[in-house]
Amino acid sequence: MKRRVVVTGLGAVTPVGNTVKDMWDNIKQGKCGIDFITAFDTTDFKVKIAAEVKGFNPEERIDKRAAKRMDRFTQFAVAAAKEAFKNAGLENADFDRSRFGVLISSGIGGLATIESEHKKALERGFDRVSPFFVPMNIANLAAGHVAIELGAKGSCSCVVTACAGGTNAIGEAFRHIRDGYAEIVVAGGAEASITPLGIAGFSSMKALCESNDPARSSIPFDAERSGFVMGEGAGILILEEYNHAVARGANIIAEIVGYGATCDSYHITAPCPDGAGAAAAMEQAIKDAGISPGNIQYINAHGTSTPLNDAIETAAVKKAFGGHANNLAISSTKSMTGHMLGASGAVEAVITVMAVAEGFLPPTINYKCPDPECDLDIVPNRGRECEIQYAMSNSLGFGGHNASVIFRKFS
């Protein structure tokens, strides 16, 4: 018999708040976290805006010495994981650490470290590269540092599936617990790629919006959308086996009940035009949850604000849900947070859990121009209260990766 898996803790560092409470308050208010880039001089860049994490001081949340040996993406992950761990009431809990795992994704890893150390090597010689260069830049070290910080001695791994990574990490952690390999898993994603090379690379492939108006840049499902806005941050969920959570008196926030993962096998960056792969991931998650499409009331869409993604994701939802697609709400919180790559699915899962727990549909903000190819209820501009029993979060990544997870209101 498959075991039930619940969410007992949440943590977040995002462009609209550096804790779950602050982030969720701002999401409900429809606050936009996009502004002009401050991390580096954008004079010679076509792209000048991004969704940066603001006012984050790692030394307030992480040991000062340890923080200096972490890239920014790892600092985000550790800070969010510590918040989630405390939120779950695990700081002073007695439990089997060998049955406590970590699964945290990053799409790119320590890009800022790679850039700065390469610059140092060219200017001062390659023997001056930091001895912490490798452990600071490799993508799995967010998971590694979190395991060390929290004392997790079970399976510790890192999913790298581009923009689907955070959702894949949560889904695989869900299966890991459900199938009996662990009682608790710290799951999520972290990213910090608002760097000269990160912006230049995505800009050169024409993936980023070049607008200088933060209010008309990340505009998912809008007819005038022209590319995504780079974001950064981390989202963490504490997933726990139901009976284990009950036995220790944990506060259960929601239940995770379904997961689907597929590949388009079509193109390295473009989604399959008919949305079949994304639809199949949604259908798998629904079947895994043992429910019907009609049970889903809300979808936190991948919704990147690129011309291809939003139209194809809309088609995929129609394919997976049939006539019920017109009855559900599907918003993109990337309109507020930008696109956090490997962290996006994790932060969006945190938002989806909060939506289910509090009965509130997050908005797609800054929406003005309807697109006939994106004609579903995108909760335009203003969020609204709605009792939600089942909600889905979707992520689609370069390489054709598709992932969907389903959360249920706990009772």
Protein backbone atom coordinates (compact mmCIF):
# COMPACT_ATOMS: atom_id res chain seq x y z
CA MET A 1 0.00 0.00 0.00
CA LYS A 2 1.36 3.43 -0.97
CA ARG A 3 1.97 5.76 1.94
CA ARG A 4 0.43 9.23 2.24
CA VAL A 5 2.77 12.22 1.99
CA VAL A 6 2.05 15.62 3.52
CA VAL A 7 3.64 19.07 3.55
CA THR A 8 4.70 20.13 7.05
CA GLY A 9 7.08 23.01 6.35
CA LEU A 10 7.70 25.77 3.78
CA GLY A 11 10.58 28.14 3.10
CA ALA A 12 11.23 30.77 0.44
CA VAL A 13 13.62 33.47 -0.72
CA THR A 14 12.11 35.32 -3.69
CA PRO A 15 11.96 38.62 -5.58
CA VAL A 16 8.71 39.43 -3.72
CA GLY A 17 9.73 38.41 -0.22
CA ASN A 18 12.50 36.61 1.63
CA THR A 19 10.22 34.51 3.83
CA VAL A 20 7.08 32.55 3.00
CA LYS A 21 4.88 35.00 4.89
CA ASP A 22 6.27 38.07 3.15
CA MET A 23 6.21 36.38 -0.25
CA TRP A 24 2.62 35.13 0.13
CA ASP A 25 1.36 38.49 1.40
CA ASN A 26 2.87 40.18 -1.65
CA ILE A 27 1.60 37.51 -4.05
CA LYS A 28 -1.94 38.01 -2.74
CA GLN A 29 -1.58 41.77 -3.23
CA GLY A 30 -0.26 41.31 -6.77
CA LYS A 31 3.09 42.97 -6.08
CA CYS A 32 5.60 42.93 -8.93
CA GLY A 33 9.19 42.00 -8.02
CA ILE A 34 10.66 43.09 -11.36
CA ASP A 35 12.88 46.16 -11.65
CA PHE A 36 16.14 47.35 -13.20
CA ILE A 37 19.16 45.12 -12.60
CA THR A 38 21.45 46.25 -9.77
CA ALA A 39 23.81 43.25 -9.69
CA PHE A 40 25.98 44.55 -12.55
CA ASP A 41 26.27 47.39 -15.07
CA THR A 42 23.81 46.80 -17.93
CA THR A 43 24.97 49.70 -20.12
CA ASP A 44 26.03 47.39 -22.95
CA PHE A 45 23.14 44.94 -22.52
CA LYS A 46 19.86 44.88 -24.43
CA VAL A 47 18.17 43.41 -21.35
CA LYS A 48 18.22 45.73 -18.35
CA ILE A 49 15.52 44.35 -16.06
CA ALA A 50 15.16 41.25 -13.91
CA ALA A 51 13.43 39.99 -10.77
CA GLU A 52 16.22 40.20 -8.19
CA VAL A 53 16.00 39.05 -4.58
CA LYS A 54 16.10 42.27 -2.54
CA GLY A 55 17.56 42.99 0.88
CA PHE A 56 18.90 39.48 1.40
CA ASN A 57 21.78 39.38 3.89
CA PRO A 58 23.02 35.77 4.11
CA GLU A 59 24.85 36.41 7.36
CA GLU A 60 21.53 37.08 9.08
CA ARG A 61 20.37 33.55 8.27
CA ILE A 62 23.53 31.49 7.76
CA ASP A 63 26.80 31.17 9.64
CA LYS A 64 29.06 33.98 8.37
CA ARG A 65 32.04 31.76 7.60
CA ALA A 66 29.94 29.11 5.86
CA ALA A 67 28.07 31.74 3.80
CA LYS A 68 31.35 33.03 2.34
CA ARG A 69 32.02 29.55 0.96
CA MET A 70 28.65 29.35 -0.80
CA ASP A 71 27.52 30.73 -4.12
CA ARG A 72 24.40 32.92 -3.96
CA PHE A 73 22.12 30.07 -5.15
CA THR A 74 23.30 27.90 -2.25
CA GLN A 75 22.81 30.74 0.23
CA PHE A 76 19.21 31.02 -0.96
CA ALA A 77 18.67 27.28 -0.61
CA VAL A 78 20.12 27.03 2.89
CA ALA A 79 18.16 30.08 4.13
CA ALA A 80 14.89 28.73 2.71
CA ALA A 81 15.57 25.21 4.02
CA LYS A 82 16.25 26.51 7.53
CA GLU A 83 12.97 28.44 7.43
CA ALA A 84 11.07 25.35 6.26
CA PHE A 85 12.76 23.13 8.86
CA LYS A 86 11.79 25.54 11.65
CA ASN A 87 8.31 25.94 10.17
CA ALA A 88 7.89 22.16 10.31
CA GLY A 89 8.77 22.08 14.01
CA LEU A 90 11.80 19.89 13.38
CA GLU A 91 14.51 22.00 15.05
CA ASN A 92 14.27 20.19 18.39
CA ALA A 93 12.47 17.06 17.18
CA ASP A 94 13.83 13.56 17.75
CA PHE A 95 13.66 11.50 14.55
CA ASP A 96 15.73 9.02 12.55
CA ARG A 97 18.25 11.08 10.57
CA SER A 98 19.07 8.09 8.36
CA ARG A 99 15.49 8.31 7.05
CA PHE A 100 15.80 12.07 6.42
CA GLY A 101 16.72 13.09 2.86
CA VAL A 102 17.35 16.12 0.66
CA LEU A 103 16.43 16.66 -3.00
CA ILE A 104 17.12 20.20 -4.22
CA SER A 105 17.38 21.21 -7.86
CA SER A 106 19.36 23.89 -9.63
CA GLY A 107 19.33 24.42 -13.36
CA ILE A 108 22.69 26.19 -13.63
CA GLY A 109 24.37 26.19 -10.21
CA GLY A 110 27.03 28.71 -9.24
CA LEU A 111 27.24 30.81 -12.39
CA ALA A 112 28.38 33.95 -10.54
CA THR A 113 31.25 31.99 -8.99
CA ILE A 114 32.28 30.59 -12.38
CA GLU A 115 32.35 34.10 -13.87
CA SER A 116 34.23 35.75 -11.03
CA GLU A 117 36.84 32.99 -10.66
CA HIS A 118 37.44 32.83 -14.42
CA LYS A 119 37.96 36.61 -14.46
CA LYS A 120 40.40 36.27 -11.55
CA ALA A 121 42.27 33.49 -13.35
CA LEU A 122 42.70 35.59 -16.50
CA GLU A 123 43.83 38.66 -14.58
CA ARG A 124 45.99 37.09 -11.83
CA GLY A 125 46.82 33.58 -13.05
CA PHE A 126 45.04 30.25 -12.83
CA ASP A 127 46.89 29.24 -9.68
CA ARG A 128 44.97 32.01 -7.88
CA VAL A 129 41.59 30.34 -8.39
CA SER A 130 39.85 29.77 -5.06
CA PRO A 131 40.07 26.27 -3.50
CA PHE A 132 36.31 26.67 -2.96
CA PHE A 133 35.66 27.27 -6.67
CA VAL A 134 34.41 23.76 -7.43
CA PRO A 135 32.23 23.22 -4.33
CA MET A 136 30.77 26.70 -4.80
CA ASN A 137 29.74 26.24 -8.43
CA ILE A 138 28.56 22.63 -8.75
CA ALA A 139 24.77 22.35 -8.81
CA ASN A 140 24.44 19.62 -6.17
CA LEU A 141 26.09 21.64 -3.41
CA ALA A 142 22.87 23.42 -2.46
CA ALA A 143 21.52 19.98 -1.52
CA GLY A 144 24.85 19.07 0.10
CA HIS A 145 25.00 22.18 2.25
CA VAL A 146 21.37 21.78 3.32
CA ALA A 147 22.03 18.18 4.34
CA ILE A 148 25.03 19.28 6.43
CA GLU A 149 23.14 22.20 7.97
CA LEU A 150 20.10 20.10 8.94
CA GLY A 151 21.78 16.77 9.65
CA ALA A 152 20.08 14.79 6.90
CA LYS A 153 21.78 11.41 6.54
CA GLY A 154 19.41 9.78 4.06
CA SER A 155 19.49 10.09 0.28
CA CYS A 156 20.79 13.50 -0.84
CA SER A 157 20.49 14.36 -4.52
CA CYS A 158 20.05 17.11 -7.11
CA VAL A 159 17.69 17.03 -10.10
CA VAL A 160 18.94 19.03 -13.09
CA THR A 161 16.11 19.35 -15.60
CA ALA A 162 16.34 23.05 -16.41
CA CYS A 163 13.14 24.95 -15.62
CA ALA A 164 11.30 21.77 -14.59
CA GLY A 165 13.90 20.94 -11.94
CA GLY A 166 12.15 22.28 -8.85
CA THR A 167 8.94 20.42 -9.66
CA ASN A 168 10.83 17.23 -10.54
CA ALA A 169 12.66 17.44 -7.21
CA ILE A 170 9.39 17.70 -5.29
CA GLY A 171 7.79 14.91 -7.30
CA GLU A 172 10.73 12.54 -6.87
CA ALA A 173 10.87 13.32 -3.13
CA PHE A 174 7.15 12.54 -2.94
CA ARG A 175 7.72 9.13 -4.54
CA HIS A 176 10.73 8.50 -2.33
CA ILE A 177 8.61 8.86 0.81
CA ARG A 178 5.50 7.23 -0.61
CA ASP A 179 7.44 4.13 -1.60
CA GLY A 180 9.02 3.73 1.83
CA TYR A 181 12.58 5.01 1.43
CA ALA A 182 12.36 7.95 3.83
CA GLU A 183 10.09 9.62 6.38
CA ILE A 184 11.12 13.23 5.69
CA VAL A 185 12.64 14.89 2.61
CA VAL A 186 13.66 18.53 2.14
CA ALA A 187 12.64 19.22 -1.46
CA GLY A 188 12.81 22.21 -3.79
CA GLY A 189 15.07 24.28 -5.98
CA ALA A 190 17.45 27.26 -5.98
CA GLU A 191 18.88 29.55 -8.65
CA ALA A 192 20.95 32.74 -8.91
CA SER A 193 21.71 33.44 -12.57
CA ILE A 194 21.17 37.20 -12.82
CA THR A 195 24.78 37.62 -13.92
CA PRO A 196 26.37 39.12 -17.05
CA LEU A 197 26.83 35.71 -18.68
CA GLY A 198 23.42 34.43 -17.59
CA ILE A 199 21.59 37.46 -18.98
CA ALA A 200 23.74 37.54 -22.12
CA GLY A 201 23.21 33.87 -22.88
CA PHE A 202 19.43 33.93 -22.63
CA SER A 203 19.32 37.29 -24.40
CA SER A 204 21.35 36.00 -27.35
CA MET A 205 18.88 33.17 -27.88
CA LYS A 206 16.05 35.73 -27.87
CA ALA A 207 14.39 34.17 -24.83
CA LEU A 208 14.31 37.32 -22.65
CA CYS A 209 11.98 40.29 -22.80
CA GLU A 210 13.82 43.46 -23.86
CA SER A 211 11.22 45.92 -22.56
CA ASN A 212 12.43 48.53 -20.08
CA ASP A 213 8.99 48.75 -18.46
CA PRO A 214 8.82 46.42 -15.45
CA ALA A 215 5.02 46.52 -15.63
CA ARG A 216 4.96 45.27 -19.25
CA SER A 217 7.78 42.76 -19.23
CA SER A 218 6.69 39.50 -17.60
CA ILE A 219 3.12 39.42 -18.96
CA PRO A 220 2.07 35.76 -19.26
CA PHE A 221 -0.88 34.98 -21.57
CA ASP A 222 -0.94 38.61 -22.79
CA ALA A 223 -0.95 39.10 -26.58
CA GLU A 224 2.01 41.49 -26.27
CA ARG A 225 4.27 39.07 -24.41
CA SER A 226 7.76 38.87 -25.91
CA GLY A 227 9.99 36.82 -23.61
CA PHE A 228 10.60 35.91 -20.01
CA VAL A 229 12.19 37.98 -17.25
CA MET A 230 15.04 36.36 -15.32
CA GLY A 231 14.37 35.79 -11.64
CA GLU A 232 16.29 34.24 -8.77
CA GLY A 233 15.59 32.66 -5.40
CA ALA A 234 14.71 29.39 -3.70
CA GLY A 235 11.64 27.47 -2.62
CA ILE A 236 11.67 24.58 -0.15
CA LEU A 237 9.02 22.13 1.05
CA ILE A 238 9.33 19.70 3.92
CA LEU A 239 7.59 16.53 2.74
CA GLU A 240 6.77 13.97 5.39
CA GLU A 241 5.09 10.59 5.67
CA TYR A 242 1.60 11.16 7.07
CA ASN A 243 1.75 8.85 10.11
CA HIS A 244 5.20 10.15 11.02
CA ALA A 245 3.89 13.71 10.94
CA VAL A 246 0.83 12.84 13.02
CA ALA A 247 2.88 10.94 15.60
CA ARG A 248 5.05 13.98 16.32
CA GLY A 249 2.10 16.38 16.33
CA ALA A 250 3.20 18.28 13.23
CA ASN A 251 1.11 21.03 11.68
CA ILE A 252 0.06 19.62 8.29
CA ILE A 253 -0.29 22.39 5.69
CA ALA A 254 -1.44 20.31 2.71
CA GLU A 255 -1.10 16.86 1.17
CA ILE A 256 0.80 16.03 -2.03
CA VAL A 257 -1.10 13.38 -3.96
CA GLY A 258 0.09 13.20 -7.57
CA TYR A 259 3.13 13.57 -9.82
CA GLY A 260 3.68 13.25 -13.55
CA ALA A 261 6.85 13.62 -15.61
CA THR A 262 7.35 13.31 -19.38
CA CYS A 263 9.63 14.47 -22.19
CA ASP A 264 8.58 16.07 -25.48
CA SER A 265 11.49 14.47 -27.38
CA TYR A 266 11.04 17.30 -29.85
CA HIS A 267 13.51 20.23 -29.57
CA ILE A 268 16.25 21.46 -27.22
CA THR A 269 14.42 24.68 -26.32
CA ALA A 270 11.01 24.89 -28.03
CA PRO A 271 8.01 23.01 -26.61
CA CYS A 272 6.18 20.47 -28.77
CA PRO A 273 3.64 22.53 -30.78
CA ASP A 274 0.60 20.46 -29.85
CA GLY A 275 1.42 20.42 -26.14
CA ALA A 276 1.18 16.62 -26.01
CA GLY A 277 4.11 16.15 -23.64
CA ALA A 278 2.89 18.73 -21.14
CA ALA A 279 -0.63 17.34 -21.35
CA ALA A 280 0.68 13.83 -20.70
CA ALA A 281 2.49 15.00 -17.54
CA MET A 282 -0.74 16.56 -16.25
CA GLU A 283 -2.71 13.41 -17.11
CA GLN A 284 -0.13 11.25 -15.31
CA ALA A 285 -0.34 13.41 -12.19
CA ILE A 286 -4.14 13.23 -12.18
CA LYS A 287 -4.07 9.44 -12.58
CA ASP A 288 -1.40 9.17 -9.88
CA ALA A 289 -3.64 11.15 -7.51
CA GLY A 290 -6.57 8.83 -8.21
CA ILE A 291 -8.87 11.69 -9.16
CA SER A 292 -10.60 12.96 -12.29
CA PRO A 293 -9.66 16.10 -14.25
CA GLY A 294 -12.80 17.75 -12.91
CA ASN A 295 -11.40 17.68 -9.37
CA ILE A 296 -8.66 20.21 -10.19
CA GLN A 297 -9.75 23.78 -9.47
CA TYR A 298 -6.51 25.71 -9.89
CA ILE A 299 -3.29 25.39 -11.89
CA ASN A 300 -0.17 27.41 -11.18
CA ALA A 301 1.01 27.52 -14.78
CA HIS A 302 4.55 27.43 -16.09
CA GLY A 303 3.42 30.64 -17.84
CA THR A 304 6.77 32.09 -18.85
CA SER A 305 5.53 35.05 -20.95
CA THR A 306 7.19 33.71 -24.09
CA PRO A 307 5.07 33.60 -27.27
CA LEU A 308 5.39 29.82 -27.67
CA ASN A 309 5.09 28.61 -24.08
CA ASP A 310 1.87 30.32 -23.06
CA ALA A 311 -0.13 29.36 -26.15
CA ILE A 312 1.16 25.78 -26.10
CA GLU A 313 0.59 25.38 -22.36
CA THR A 314 -2.99 26.63 -22.85
CA ALA A 315 -3.45 24.01 -25.59
CA ALA A 316 -1.95 21.35 -23.31
CA VAL A 317 -4.37 22.22 -20.50
CA LYS A 318 -7.29 21.94 -22.93
CA LYS A 319 -5.96 18.60 -24.14
CA ALA A 320 -5.57 17.21 -20.60
CA PHE A 321 -8.77 18.64 -19.12
CA GLY A 322 -11.18 18.73 -22.05
CA GLY A 323 -14.26 20.84 -21.36
CA HIS A 324 -13.27 21.29 -17.71
CA ALA A 325 -10.42 23.59 -18.83
CA ASN A 326 -13.00 26.38 -19.06
CA ASN A 327 -14.03 25.86 -15.43
CA LEU A 328 -10.64 26.00 -13.75
CA ALA A 329 -8.40 28.94 -12.87
CA ILE A 330 -4.85 28.98 -14.29
CA SER A 331 -2.57 31.84 -13.27
CA SER A 332 1.13 32.54 -13.72
CA THR A 333 2.88 33.94 -10.68
CA LYS A 334 5.93 34.54 -12.89
CA SER A 335 4.16 37.81 -13.65
CA MET A 336 5.35 38.80 -10.15
CA THR A 337 8.49 36.73 -9.54
CA GLY A 338 9.99 36.46 -13.00
CA HIS A 339 11.31 33.09 -14.14
CA MET A 340 13.61 31.53 -11.53
CA LEU A 341 14.71 28.64 -13.79
CA GLY A 342 15.46 25.62 -11.57
CA ALA A 343 13.88 27.33 -8.56
CA SER A 344 10.68 28.35 -10.34
CA GLY A 345 8.75 25.11 -9.89
CA ALA A 346 9.73 24.94 -6.22
CA VAL A 347 8.66 28.50 -5.42
CA GLU A 348 5.46 27.96 -7.41
CA ALA A 349 4.79 24.78 -5.44
CA VAL A 350 5.10 26.78 -2.21
CA ILE A 351 2.64 29.32 -3.64
CA THR A 352 0.27 26.53 -4.72
CA VAL A 353 0.36 24.97 -1.26
CA MET A 354 -0.49 28.34 0.27
CA ALA A 355 -3.30 28.82 -2.25
CA VAL A 356 -4.81 25.49 -1.20
CA ALA A 357 -4.26 26.07 2.52
CA GLU A 358 -5.78 29.55 2.54
CA GLY A 359 -8.32 29.28 -0.28
CA PHE A 360 -6.96 32.04 -2.50
CA LEU A 361 -6.26 32.16 -6.24
CA PRO A 362 -3.06 34.15 -7.02
CA PRO A 363 -3.39 36.62 -9.90
CA THR A 364 -1.62 36.99 -13.22
CA ILE A 365 -0.72 40.67 -12.91
CA ASN A 366 -0.11 43.39 -15.51
CA TYR A 367 -2.50 41.73 -17.96
CA LYS A 368 -3.95 44.07 -20.63
CA CYS A 369 -4.22 42.53 -24.09
CA PRO A 370 -6.19 39.28 -24.50
CA ASP A 371 -4.75 36.59 -26.75
CA PRO A 372 -7.33 34.30 -28.40
CA GLU A 373 -4.84 31.43 -28.09
CA CYS A 374 -4.69 31.95 -24.30
CA ASP A 375 -8.39 32.15 -23.54
CA LEU A 376 -8.69 30.39 -20.15
CA ASP A 377 -9.41 32.04 -16.78
CA ILE A 378 -5.96 33.38 -15.94
CA VAL A 379 -7.18 35.25 -12.82
CA PRO A 380 -6.25 38.58 -14.43
CA ASN A 381 -4.71 41.32 -12.29
CA ARG A 382 -6.54 40.58 -9.04
CA GLY A 383 -6.44 37.42 -6.97
CA ARG A 384 -9.65 36.10 -5.48
CA GLU A 385 -10.84 33.92 -2.66
CA CYS A 386 -11.85 30.39 -3.63
CA GLU A 387 -12.10 27.19 -1.61
CA ILE A 388 -9.61 24.84 -3.29
CA GLN A 389 -9.61 21.08 -2.76
CA TYR A 390 -7.09 20.15 -5.47
CA ALA A 391 -4.48 22.31 -7.22
CA MET A 392 -1.77 21.55 -9.76
CA SER A 393 1.60 23.18 -10.41
CA ASN A 394 3.23 22.81 -13.85
CA SER A 395 6.83 23.24 -14.99
CA LEU A 396 8.24 22.84 -18.50
CA GLY A 397 11.99 22.95 -19.18
CA PHE A 398 14.55 23.18 -21.96
CA GLY A 399 15.25 19.69 -23.23
CA GLY A 400 11.52 18.96 -23.39
CA HIS A 401 11.12 18.22 -19.68
CA ASN A 402 7.55 18.40 -18.35
CA ALA A 403 6.52 17.97 -14.71
CA SER A 404 3.27 18.38 -12.79
CA VAL A 405 2.47 17.95 -9.10
CA ILE A 406 -0.91 17.97 -7.37
CA PHE A 407 -1.67 19.18 -3.85
CA ARG A 408 -4.84 18.52 -1.87
CA LYS A 409 -6.37 20.49 0.96
CA PHE A 410 -5.58 18.53 4.12
CA SER A 411 -8.40 17.11 6.16
